Amino acid sequence: MRSLFYTFTGRAILLTVALFIGVSSAQEIDEESEPEETKAQFYFQMALDEMEDGEYEGARSYFDMAINLEPYYAEAYFLRGLVFIELGLNSCAYDDFTSAVDMDPELYDAYLQRGCIMLEYGQFKSAIWDFSRAIFIDGSRPEAYFRRGEARAGYGLMEWALVDLNEAITLDPNCFRAYLLRANLHLEMGNYSMADDDLIFIRDKCPDGELVAQAVAMLGE
């Protein structure tokens, strides 16, 4: 289920993350004269450059160097976790996201990504906890509500899942994945007209052909 992570691992988003944490373009440094913190920042920037180019093994190596020099570099652990996801090493990603939040308990995206891993493996209770923590940190972003809705649905908490999906849609009226999941929940709960409303909205407004196809198929059933 790599789609769980697409929102956060696309190259444009990686660049946004780099800008968010305030990293400027690195300059060459003198390995012998610069302090370890500066060397770590240099390797961190090199890792970001590799990520933007899709060179994930190279990015991993540079993050390793940065972390070896600065063992409490929370952002480096978080971004190395994203690299591990791209490399298919989800258990390593989980460990890095855990290290990141241990060092920076306010790191929203690390909780979100760790929750996505738990969601992928059906660990719904743990996923709900991580998404709830992300929402506590920043309740203005729809992704965590959508993901917690998925986890709550998987855990059998249908009514609470609907609450989360409604909030995700309020925050982002074009969160079409939330409409689709909400339609599925309405169908399971026998709310057929409400399900049809969501499916028709997807059919008429969504630019994602795959989601539209699913909605059309469900309308025809």
C-alpha atoms as a PDB file:
ATOM      1  CA  MET A   1       0.000   0.000   0.000  1.00  0.00           C
ATOM      2  CA  ARG A   2       2.620   2.511  -1.028  1.00  0.00           C
ATOM      3  CA  SER A   3      -0.191   4.917  -1.865  1.00  0.00           C
ATOM      4  CA  LEU A   4      -0.406   5.593   1.856  1.00  0.00           C
ATOM      5  CA  PHE A   5       2.764   7.606   1.582  1.00  0.00           C
ATOM      6  CA  TYR A   6       2.441   9.423  -1.730  1.00  0.00           C
ATOM      7  CA  THR A   7       1.223  12.625  -0.143  1.00  0.00           C
ATOM      8  CA  PHE A   8       4.504  12.990   1.689  1.00  0.00           C
ATOM      9  CA  THR A   9       7.123  11.359  -0.507  1.00  0.00           C
ATOM     10  CA  GLY A  10       6.660  13.037  -3.877  1.00  0.00           C
ATOM     11  CA  ARG A  11       9.677  15.072  -4.915  1.00  0.00           C
ATOM     12  CA  ALA A  12       7.801  18.370  -4.757  1.00  0.00           C
ATOM     13  CA  ILE A  13       6.825  17.591  -1.165  1.00  0.00           C
ATOM     14  CA  LEU A  14      10.384  16.645  -0.282  1.00  0.00           C
ATOM     15  CA  LEU A  15      11.482  20.064  -1.479  1.00  0.00           C
ATOM     16  CA  THR A  16       8.734  21.651   0.616  1.00  0.00           C
ATOM     17  CA  VAL A  17       9.931  19.742   3.682  1.00  0.00           C
ATOM     18  CA  ALA A  18      13.457  20.960   3.060  1.00  0.00           C
ATOM     19  CA  LEU A  19      12.271  24.565   2.849  1.00  0.00           C
ATOM     20  CA  PHE A  20      10.083  24.123   5.933  1.00  0.00           C
ATOM     21  CA  ILE A  21      12.981  23.095   8.125  1.00  0.00           C
ATOM     22  CA  GLY A  22      15.009  26.010   6.811  1.00  0.00           C
ATOM     23  CA  VAL A  23      17.860  24.271   5.049  1.00  0.00           C
ATOM     24  CA  SER A  24      19.765  26.422   2.591  1.00  0.00           C
ATOM     25  CA  SER A  25      21.998  25.236  -0.232  1.00  0.00           C
ATOM     26  CA  ALA A  26      25.124  23.636   1.152  1.00  0.00           C
ATOM     27  CA  GLN A  27      28.596  24.936   0.446  1.00  0.00           C
ATOM     28  CA  GLU A  28      31.710  22.771   0.387  1.00  0.00           C
ATOM     29  CA  ILE A  29      33.282  22.491   3.797  1.00  0.00           C
ATOM     30  CA  ASP A  30      36.695  21.753   5.147  1.00  0.00           C
ATOM     31  CA  GLU A  31      36.340  18.349   6.813  1.00  0.00           C
ATOM     32  CA  GLU A  32      39.190  19.099   9.207  1.00  0.00           C
ATOM     33  CA  SER A  33      38.202  22.602  10.350  1.00  0.00           C
ATOM     34  CA  GLU A  34      34.390  22.677  10.488  1.00  0.00           C
ATOM     35  CA  PRO A  35      32.531  21.622  13.655  1.00  0.00           C
ATOM     36  CA  GLU A  36      30.594  18.380  13.532  1.00  0.00           C
ATOM     37  CA  GLU A  37      27.251  20.206  13.554  1.00  0.00           C
ATOM     38  CA  THR A  38      28.177  22.028  10.345  1.00  0.00           C
ATOM     39  CA  LYS A  39      29.381  18.797   8.761  1.00  0.00           C
ATOM     40  CA  ALA A  40      26.097  17.131   9.708  1.00  0.00           C
ATOM     41  CA  GLN A  41      24.143  19.961   8.043  1.00  0.00           C
ATOM     42  CA  PHE A  42      26.271  19.558   4.922  1.00  0.00           C
ATOM     43  CA  TYR A  43      25.533  15.825   4.697  1.00  0.00           C
ATOM     44  CA  PHE A  44      21.872  16.538   5.448  1.00  0.00           C
ATOM     45  CA  GLN A  45      21.664  18.897   2.486  1.00  0.00           C
ATOM     46  CA  MET A  46      23.465  16.383   0.275  1.00  0.00           C
ATOM     47  CA  ALA A  47      20.859  13.807   1.293  1.00  0.00           C
ATOM     48  CA  LEU A  48      18.052  16.193   0.354  1.00  0.00           C
ATOM     49  CA  ASP A  49      19.630  16.731  -3.053  1.00  0.00           C
ATOM     50  CA  GLU A  50      19.782  12.967  -3.572  1.00  0.00           C
ATOM     51  CA  MET A  51      16.139  12.612  -2.556  1.00  0.00           C
ATOM     52  CA  GLU A  52      15.054  15.268  -5.040  1.00  0.00           C
ATOM     53  CA  ASP A  53      16.898  13.330  -7.758  1.00  0.00           C
ATOM     54  CA  GLY A  54      15.278  10.041  -6.714  1.00  0.00           C
ATOM     55  CA  GLU A  55      18.624   8.627  -5.594  1.00  0.00           C
ATOM     56  CA  TYR A  56      17.404   7.027  -2.393  1.00  0.00           C
ATOM     57  CA  GLU A  57      20.400   4.814  -1.644  1.00  0.00           C
ATOM     58  CA  GLY A  58      22.634   7.861  -1.888  1.00  0.00           C
ATOM     59  CA  ALA A  59      20.264   9.841   0.319  1.00  0.00           C
ATOM     60  CA  ARG A  60      20.316   7.067   2.891  1.00  0.00           C
ATOM     61  CA  SER A  61      24.105   7.123   3.020  1.00  0.00           C
ATOM     62  CA  TYR A  62      24.244  10.883   3.527  1.00  0.00           C
ATOM     63  CA  PHE A  63      21.594  10.772   6.246  1.00  0.00           C
ATOM     64  CA  ASP A  64      23.621   8.032   7.940  1.00  0.00           C
ATOM     65  CA  MET A  65      26.634  10.355   7.940  1.00  0.00           C
ATOM     66  CA  ALA A  66      24.609  13.271   9.303  1.00  0.00           C
ATOM     67  CA  ILE A  67      23.126  11.163  12.083  1.00  0.00           C
ATOM     68  CA  ASN A  68      26.498   9.670  13.001  1.00  0.00           C
ATOM     69  CA  LEU A  69      27.759  13.198  13.554  1.00  0.00           C
ATOM     70  CA  GLU A  70      24.573  14.518  15.201  1.00  0.00           C
ATOM     71  CA  PRO A  71      22.774  11.608  16.935  1.00  0.00           C
ATOM     72  CA  TYR A  72      19.842  13.825  18.002  1.00  0.00           C
ATOM     73  CA  TYR A  73      19.070  15.228  14.541  1.00  0.00           C
ATOM     74  CA  ALA A  74      15.280  14.657  14.516  1.00  0.00           C
ATOM     75  CA  GLU A  75      14.694  15.974  10.991  1.00  0.00           C
ATOM     76  CA  ALA A  76      17.382  13.660   9.617  1.00  0.00           C
ATOM     77  CA  TYR A  77      15.718  10.648  11.239  1.00  0.00           C
ATOM     78  CA  PHE A  78      12.341  11.698   9.849  1.00  0.00           C
ATOM     79  CA  LEU A  79      13.561  12.180   6.287  1.00  0.00           C
ATOM     80  CA  ARG A  80      15.649   9.011   6.386  1.00  0.00           C
ATOM     81  CA  GLY A  81      12.406   7.303   7.383  1.00  0.00           C
ATOM     82  CA  LEU A  82      10.826   8.569   4.147  1.00  0.00           C
ATOM     83  CA  VAL A  83      13.814   7.208   2.250  1.00  0.00           C
ATOM     84  CA  PHE A  84      13.383   3.819   3.911  1.00  0.00           C
ATOM     85  CA  ILE A  85       9.751   3.790   2.744  1.00  0.00           C
ATOM     86  CA  GLU A  86      10.896   4.411  -0.822  1.00  0.00           C
ATOM     87  CA  LEU A  87      13.356   1.535  -0.428  1.00  0.00           C
ATOM     88  CA  GLY A  88      10.640  -0.781   0.897  1.00  0.00           C
ATOM     89  CA  LEU A  89      12.142  -0.930   4.393  1.00  0.00           C
ATOM     90  CA  ASN A  90       9.082  -0.076   6.444  1.00  0.00           C
ATOM     91  CA  SER A  91      10.367  -1.507   9.720  1.00  0.00           C
ATOM     92  CA  CYS A  92      13.452   0.728   9.456  1.00  0.00           C
ATOM     93  CA  ALA A  93      11.176   3.665   8.608  1.00  0.00           C
ATOM     94  CA  TYR A  94       9.068   2.939  11.681  1.00  0.00           C
ATOM     95  CA  ASP A  95      12.178   2.975  13.883  1.00  0.00           C
ATOM     96  CA  ASP A  96      13.333   6.284  12.396  1.00  0.00           C
ATOM     97  CA  PHE A  97       9.936   7.949  12.825  1.00  0.00           C
ATOM     98  CA  THR A  98       9.933   6.745  16.433  1.00  0.00           C
ATOM     99  CA  SER A  99      13.397   8.215  16.993  1.00  0.00           C
ATOM    100  CA  ALA A 100      12.262  11.476  15.400  1.00  0.00           C
ATOM    101  CA  VAL A 101       9.252  11.908  17.701  1.00  0.00           C
ATOM    102  CA  ASP A 102      11.295  10.891  20.739  1.00  0.00           C
ATOM    103  CA  MET A 103      13.643  13.785  19.933  1.00  0.00           C
ATOM    104  CA  ASP A 104      10.952  16.205  18.767  1.00  0.00           C
ATOM    105  CA  PRO A 105       7.509  15.364  20.211  1.00  0.00           C
ATOM    106  CA  GLU A 106       5.926  18.088  18.047  1.00  0.00           C
ATOM    107  CA  LEU A 107       6.977  16.566  14.708  1.00  0.00           C
ATOM    108  CA  TYR A 108       3.545  16.187  13.097  1.00  0.00           C
ATOM    109  CA  ASP A 109       4.656  14.411   9.932  1.00  0.00           C
ATOM    110  CA  ALA A 110       6.602  11.738  11.814  1.00  0.00           C
ATOM    111  CA  TYR A 111       3.488  10.744  13.765  1.00  0.00           C
ATOM    112  CA  LEU A 112       1.481  10.792  10.547  1.00  0.00           C
ATOM    113  CA  GLN A 113       3.910   8.571   8.677  1.00  0.00           C
ATOM    114  CA  ARG A 114       4.343   6.146  11.572  1.00  0.00           C
ATOM    115  CA  GLY A 115       0.565   5.901  11.777  1.00  0.00           C
ATOM    116  CA  CYS A 116       0.406   5.105   8.073  1.00  0.00           C
ATOM    117  CA  ILE A 117       2.789   2.197   8.597  1.00  0.00           C
ATOM    118  CA  MET A 118       0.634   0.894  11.435  1.00  0.00           C
ATOM    119  CA  LEU A 119      -2.459   1.325   9.255  1.00  0.00           C
ATOM    120  CA  GLU A 120      -0.846  -0.633   6.427  1.00  0.00           C
ATOM    121  CA  TYR A 121      -0.156  -3.557   8.770  1.00  0.00           C
ATOM    122  CA  GLY A 122      -3.624  -3.509  10.304  1.00  0.00           C
ATOM    123  CA  GLN A 123      -2.451  -2.164  13.675  1.00  0.00           C
ATOM    124  CA  PHE A 124      -5.460   0.120  13.880  1.00  0.00           C
ATOM    125  CA  LYS A 125      -5.266   1.028  17.555  1.00  0.00           C
ATOM    126  CA  SER A 126      -1.655   2.162  17.267  1.00  0.00           C
ATOM    127  CA  ALA A 127      -2.463   4.022  14.059  1.00  0.00           C
ATOM    128  CA  ILE A 128      -5.347   5.843  15.751  1.00  0.00           C
ATOM    129  CA  TRP A 129      -3.006   6.934  18.554  1.00  0.00           C
ATOM    130  CA  ASP A 130      -0.440   8.352  16.121  1.00  0.00           C
ATOM    131  CA  PHE A 131      -3.026  10.163  14.014  1.00  0.00           C
ATOM    132  CA  SER A 132      -4.633  11.568  17.169  1.00  0.00           C
ATOM    133  CA  ARG A 133      -1.267  12.884  18.285  1.00  0.00           C
ATOM    134  CA  ALA A 134      -0.743  14.509  14.879  1.00  0.00           C
ATOM    135  CA  ILE A 135      -4.171  16.165  15.133  1.00  0.00           C
ATOM    136  CA  PHE A 136      -3.347  17.404  18.636  1.00  0.00           C
ATOM    137  CA  ILE A 137      -0.204  19.043  17.250  1.00  0.00           C
ATOM    138  CA  ASP A 138      -1.953  20.591  14.234  1.00  0.00           C
ATOM    139  CA  GLY A 139      -5.696  20.186  13.816  1.00  0.00           C
ATOM    140  CA  SER A 140      -5.831  22.286  10.665  1.00  0.00           C
ATOM    141  CA  ARG A 141      -4.525  19.633   8.252  1.00  0.00           C
ATOM    142  CA  PRO A 142      -7.024  17.210   6.693  1.00  0.00           C
ATOM    143  CA  GLU A 143      -4.675  14.275   6.082  1.00  0.00           C
ATOM    144  CA  ALA A 144      -4.534  13.118   9.701  1.00  0.00           C
ATOM    145  CA  TYR A 145      -8.318  13.205   9.992  1.00  0.00           C
ATOM    146  CA  PHE A 146      -8.679  11.171   6.814  1.00  0.00           C
ATOM    147  CA  ARG A 147      -6.108   8.618   7.983  1.00  0.00           C
ATOM    148  CA  ARG A 148      -7.648   8.369  11.437  1.00  0.00           C
ATOM    149  CA  GLY A 149     -11.006   7.833   9.723  1.00  0.00           C
ATOM    150  CA  GLU A 150      -9.463   4.912   7.839  1.00  0.00           C
ATOM    151  CA  ALA A 151      -8.021   3.477  11.039  1.00  0.00           C
ATOM    152  CA  ARG A 152     -11.240   3.904  12.989  1.00  0.00           C
ATOM    153  CA  ALA A 153     -13.185   2.232  10.195  1.00  0.00           C
ATOM    154  CA  GLY A 154     -10.724  -0.656  10.245  1.00  0.00           C
ATOM    155  CA  TYR A 155     -11.150  -0.885  14.018  1.00  0.00           C
ATOM    156  CA  GLY A 156     -14.937  -1.013  13.636  1.00  0.00           C
ATOM    157  CA  LEU A 157     -15.622   2.492  14.948  1.00  0.00           C
ATOM    158  CA  MET A 158     -17.871   3.500  12.057  1.00  0.00           C
ATOM    159  CA  GLU A 159     -19.572   6.504  13.627  1.00  0.00           C
ATOM    160  CA  TRP A 160     -16.273   7.951  14.804  1.00  0.00           C
ATOM    161  CA  ALA A 161     -14.766   7.284  11.391  1.00  0.00           C
ATOM    162  CA  LEU A 162     -17.555   9.358   9.834  1.00  0.00           C
ATOM    163  CA  VAL A 163     -16.772  12.200  12.240  1.00  0.00           C
ATOM    164  CA  ASP A 164     -13.155  12.204  11.053  1.00  0.00           C
ATOM    165  CA  LEU A 165     -14.075  12.007   7.377  1.00  0.00           C
ATOM    166  CA  ASN A 166     -16.527  14.866   7.772  1.00  0.00           C
ATOM    167  CA  GLU A 167     -13.776  16.960   9.348  1.00  0.00           C
ATOM    168  CA  ALA A 168     -11.315  16.070   6.585  1.00  0.00           C
ATOM    169  CA  ILE A 169     -13.868  17.192   3.990  1.00  0.00           C
ATOM    170  CA  THR A 170     -14.598  20.393   5.909  1.00  0.00           C
ATOM    171  CA  LEU A 171     -10.894  21.237   5.899  1.00  0.00           C
ATOM    172  CA  ASP A 172     -10.452  20.177   2.271  1.00  0.00           C
ATOM    173  CA  PRO A 173     -13.673  20.069   0.224  1.00  0.00           C
ATOM    174  CA  ASN A 174     -11.727  18.318  -2.558  1.00  0.00           C
ATOM    175  CA  CYS A 175     -10.504  15.434  -0.403  1.00  0.00           C
ATOM    176  CA  PHE A 176     -12.092  12.926  -2.764  1.00  0.00           C
ATOM    177  CA  ARG A 177     -10.601   9.909  -0.985  1.00  0.00           C
ATOM    178  CA  ALA A 178     -12.577  10.950   2.087  1.00  0.00           C
ATOM    179  CA  TYR A 179     -15.784  11.123   0.047  1.00  0.00           C
ATOM    180  CA  LEU A 180     -15.150   7.629  -1.319  1.00  0.00           C
ATOM    181  CA  LEU A 181     -14.456   6.103   2.076  1.00  0.00           C
ATOM    182  CA  ARG A 182     -17.438   7.918   3.552  1.00  0.00           C
ATOM    183  CA  ALA A 183     -19.618   6.508   0.766  1.00  0.00           C
ATOM    184  CA  ASN A 184     -18.399   3.011   1.590  1.00  0.00           C
ATOM    185  CA  LEU A 185     -19.217   3.510   5.262  1.00  0.00           C
ATOM    186  CA  HIS A 186     -22.665   4.866   4.436  1.00  0.00           C
ATOM    187  CA  LEU A 187     -23.333   1.789   2.304  1.00  0.00           C
ATOM    188  CA  GLU A 188     -22.267  -0.510   5.136  1.00  0.00           C
ATOM    189  CA  MET A 189     -24.557   1.382   7.500  1.00  0.00           C
ATOM    190  CA  GLY A 190     -27.504   1.382   5.100  1.00  0.00           C
ATOM    191  CA  ASN A 191     -27.394   5.118   4.385  1.00  0.00           C
ATOM    192  CA  TYR A 192     -27.825   4.587   0.645  1.00  0.00           C
ATOM    193  CA  SER A 193     -28.928   8.087  -0.383  1.00  0.00           C
ATOM    194  CA  MET A 194     -25.992   9.647   1.492  1.00  0.00           C
ATOM    195  CA  ALA A 195     -23.618   7.210  -0.171  1.00  0.00           C
ATOM    196  CA  ASP A 196     -25.046   8.118  -3.577  1.00  0.00           C
ATOM    197  CA  ASP A 197     -24.529  11.819  -2.863  1.00  0.00           C
ATOM    198  CA  ASP A 198     -20.833  11.246  -2.189  1.00  0.00           C
ATOM    199  CA  LEU A 199     -20.377   8.989  -5.210  1.00  0.00           C
ATOM    200  CA  ILE A 200     -22.119  11.434  -7.535  1.00  0.00           C
ATOM    201  CA  PHE A 201     -19.912  14.233  -6.235  1.00  0.00           C
ATOM    202  CA  ILE A 202     -16.813  12.170  -7.023  1.00  0.00           C
ATOM    203  CA  ARG A 203     -18.154  11.249 -10.464  1.00  0.00           C
ATOM    204  CA  ASP A 204     -18.871  14.872 -11.355  1.00  0.00           C
ATOM    205  CA  LYS A 205     -15.981  16.721  -9.691  1.00  0.00           C
ATOM    206  CA  CYS A 206     -12.992  14.451  -9.148  1.00  0.00           C
ATOM    207  CA  PRO A 207     -10.007  14.783 -11.547  1.00  0.00           C
ATOM    208  CA  ASP A 208      -8.650  11.343 -10.550  1.00  0.00           C
ATOM    209  CA  GLY A 209      -9.866   8.855 -13.145  1.00  0.00           C
ATOM    210  CA  GLU A 210      -9.295   5.857 -10.884  1.00  0.00           C
ATOM    211  CA  LEU A 211     -11.475   7.275  -8.118  1.00  0.00           C
ATOM    212  CA  VAL A 212     -14.128   8.262 -10.647  1.00  0.00           C
ATOM    213  CA  ALA A 213     -14.156   4.712 -12.040  1.00  0.00           C
ATOM    214  CA  GLN A 214     -14.652   3.301  -8.536  1.00  0.00           C
ATOM    215  CA  ALA A 215     -17.487   5.728  -7.849  1.00  0.00           C
ATOM    216  CA  VAL A 216     -19.215   4.954 -11.141  1.00  0.00           C
ATOM    217  CA  ALA A 217     -18.911   1.226 -10.496  1.00  0.00           C
ATOM    218  CA  MET A 218     -20.401   1.606  -7.034  1.00  0.00           C
ATOM    219  CA  LEU A 219     -23.279   3.721  -8.390  1.00  0.00           C
ATOM    220  CA  GLY A 220     -24.053   0.989 -10.903  1.00  0.00           C
ATOM    221  CA  GLU A 221     -24.229  -1.770  -8.305  1.00  0.00           C
END
